[in-house]
Amino acid sequence: MRAISSAAGGMLRARLRGGARVRGGGGHGEGGGRWTTPGHEEQPKGYLFNRPPPPAGESRKWEDWELPCYVTSFLTVVILGVGLNAKPDLTLETWAHQKALERLQQQELASGEAQAE
């Protein structure tokens, strides 16, 4: 039993030591892990989404997907905002409140008729 636990501990230590040496965890062929394989940059450029800013005096070109995405997002917000504010109030509390008000009105009418006689 002791031999199994010491062997498992040794394997765990070796795996942790090996993974700490290589950036990205190691163990996936040459050059490191999944995100640091050849073709991936080691150091970020420091720009948002790794896009350098456009030259002075030029504006950034929109990509093909941006306009439809922005228009659809805006229309979704407008439709949801109008639709959710205009929906009828169908909560149980509102229904019970209206029924209670109707009963109070009926009781007042009944007591008013009884007093008139």
Protein backbone atom coordinates (compact mmCIF):
# COMPACT_ATOMS: atom_id res chain seq x y z
CA MET A 1 0.00 0.00 0.00
CA ARG A 2 2.84 2.33 0.91
CA ALA A 3 4.63 1.55 -2.35
CA ILE A 4 1.56 2.49 -4.41
CA SER A 5 1.10 5.83 -2.63
CA SER A 6 4.79 6.72 -2.96
CA ALA A 7 4.76 5.80 -6.67
CA ALA A 8 1.63 7.93 -7.22
CA GLY A 9 3.22 10.82 -5.34
CA GLY A 10 6.37 10.55 -7.45
CA MET A 11 4.38 10.57 -10.67
CA LEU A 12 2.43 13.62 -9.53
CA ARG A 13 5.60 15.51 -8.59
CA ALA A 14 7.22 14.67 -11.93
CA ARG A 15 4.17 15.86 -13.84
CA LEU A 16 3.99 19.12 -11.89
CA ARG A 17 7.70 19.80 -12.33
CA GLY A 18 7.59 19.09 -16.07
CA GLY A 19 4.56 21.31 -16.62
CA ALA A 20 6.09 24.22 -14.72
CA ARG A 21 9.15 24.36 -16.97
CA VAL A 22 7.32 24.90 -20.25
CA ARG A 23 5.07 27.89 -20.76
CA GLY A 24 1.52 26.71 -21.45
CA GLY A 25 1.66 23.47 -19.49
CA GLY A 26 3.70 21.33 -21.90
CA GLY A 27 3.00 17.80 -22.94
CA HIS A 28 1.56 18.53 -26.41
CA GLY A 29 4.38 17.96 -28.83
CA GLU A 30 7.11 20.44 -29.51
CA GLY A 31 6.77 24.04 -28.44
CA GLY A 32 4.46 23.76 -25.47
CA GLY A 33 0.75 23.55 -24.89
CA ARG A 34 -2.41 24.10 -26.79
CA TRP A 35 -2.24 27.90 -26.92
CA THR A 36 1.50 28.26 -27.38
CA THR A 37 2.05 25.93 -30.30
CA PRO A 38 3.94 27.33 -33.28
CA GLY A 39 1.82 29.96 -34.96
CA HIS A 40 0.69 31.57 -31.73
CA GLU A 41 2.48 34.64 -30.45
CA GLU A 42 4.45 34.43 -27.24
CA GLN A 43 4.07 38.09 -26.29
CA PRO A 44 0.93 40.18 -26.88
CA LYS A 45 1.37 43.40 -28.83
CA GLY A 46 -0.40 45.47 -26.19
CA TYR A 47 -3.32 46.55 -28.37
CA LEU A 48 -6.98 45.71 -27.91
CA PHE A 49 -7.70 42.46 -29.80
CA ASN A 50 -4.09 42.61 -31.09
CA ARG A 51 -5.06 45.29 -33.63
CA PRO A 52 -2.65 48.15 -34.05
CA PRO A 53 -4.31 51.55 -34.26
CA PRO A 54 -4.86 53.01 -37.74
CA PRO A 55 -2.42 55.62 -39.01
CA ALA A 56 -3.03 59.22 -37.98
CA GLY A 57 -5.93 60.81 -39.84
CA GLU A 58 -7.51 57.51 -40.89
CA SER A 59 -10.49 55.81 -39.30
CA ARG A 60 -10.71 52.11 -38.68
CA LYS A 61 -12.41 50.10 -41.43
CA TRP A 62 -15.47 48.17 -40.34
CA GLU A 63 -15.50 44.45 -40.96
CA ASP A 64 -18.33 42.80 -42.88
CA TRP A 65 -20.09 41.43 -39.80
CA GLU A 66 -20.08 44.62 -37.71
CA LEU A 67 -22.93 46.66 -39.26
CA PRO A 68 -25.50 43.82 -39.28
CA CYS A 69 -24.50 42.86 -35.75
CA TYR A 70 -24.83 46.40 -34.40
CA VAL A 71 -28.14 47.03 -36.18
CA THR A 72 -29.59 43.74 -34.98
CA SER A 73 -28.43 44.37 -31.42
CA PHE A 74 -29.95 47.86 -31.40
CA LEU A 75 -33.28 46.64 -32.81
CA THR A 76 -33.37 43.78 -30.30
CA VAL A 77 -32.93 46.20 -27.40
CA VAL A 78 -35.64 48.51 -28.75
CA ILE A 79 -38.12 45.70 -29.41
CA LEU A 80 -37.53 44.13 -26.00
CA GLY A 81 -37.73 47.49 -24.24
CA VAL A 82 -41.03 48.44 -25.87
CA GLY A 83 -42.49 44.94 -25.74
CA LEU A 84 -41.67 44.24 -22.11
CA ASN A 85 -42.97 47.64 -20.98
CA ALA A 86 -46.22 47.24 -22.95
CA LYS A 87 -47.09 43.70 -21.88
CA PRO A 88 -50.21 43.28 -19.74
CA ASP A 89 -49.83 42.75 -16.03
CA LEU A 90 -51.03 39.19 -15.50
CA THR A 91 -49.62 38.54 -12.04
CA LEU A 92 -51.69 36.79 -9.41
CA GLU A 93 -51.35 39.74 -7.04
CA THR A 94 -52.84 42.17 -9.55
CA TRP A 95 -55.76 39.84 -10.29
CA ALA A 96 -56.45 39.35 -6.56
CA HIS A 97 -56.27 43.12 -5.97
CA GLN A 98 -58.81 43.78 -8.74
CA LYS A 99 -61.16 41.09 -7.37
CA ALA A 100 -60.88 42.56 -3.87
CA LEU A 101 -61.74 46.02 -5.20
CA GLU A 102 -64.76 44.59 -7.06
CA ARG A 103 -65.99 42.90 -3.86
CA LEU A 104 -65.54 46.12 -1.90
CA GLN A 105 -67.58 48.01 -4.49
CA GLN A 106 -70.33 45.35 -4.35
CA GLN A 107 -70.39 45.55 -0.55
CA GLU A 108 -70.62 49.36 -0.67
CA LEU A 109 -73.48 49.16 -3.18
CA ALA A 110 -75.27 46.58 -1.05
CA SER A 111 -74.84 48.64 2.13
CA GLY A 112 -75.91 51.80 0.27
CA GLU A 113 -79.10 50.09 -0.93
CA ALA A 114 -79.80 48.76 2.55
CA GLN A 115 -79.47 52.25 4.04
CA ALA A 116 -81.70 53.77 1.34
CA GLU A 117 -84.57 51.42 2.28
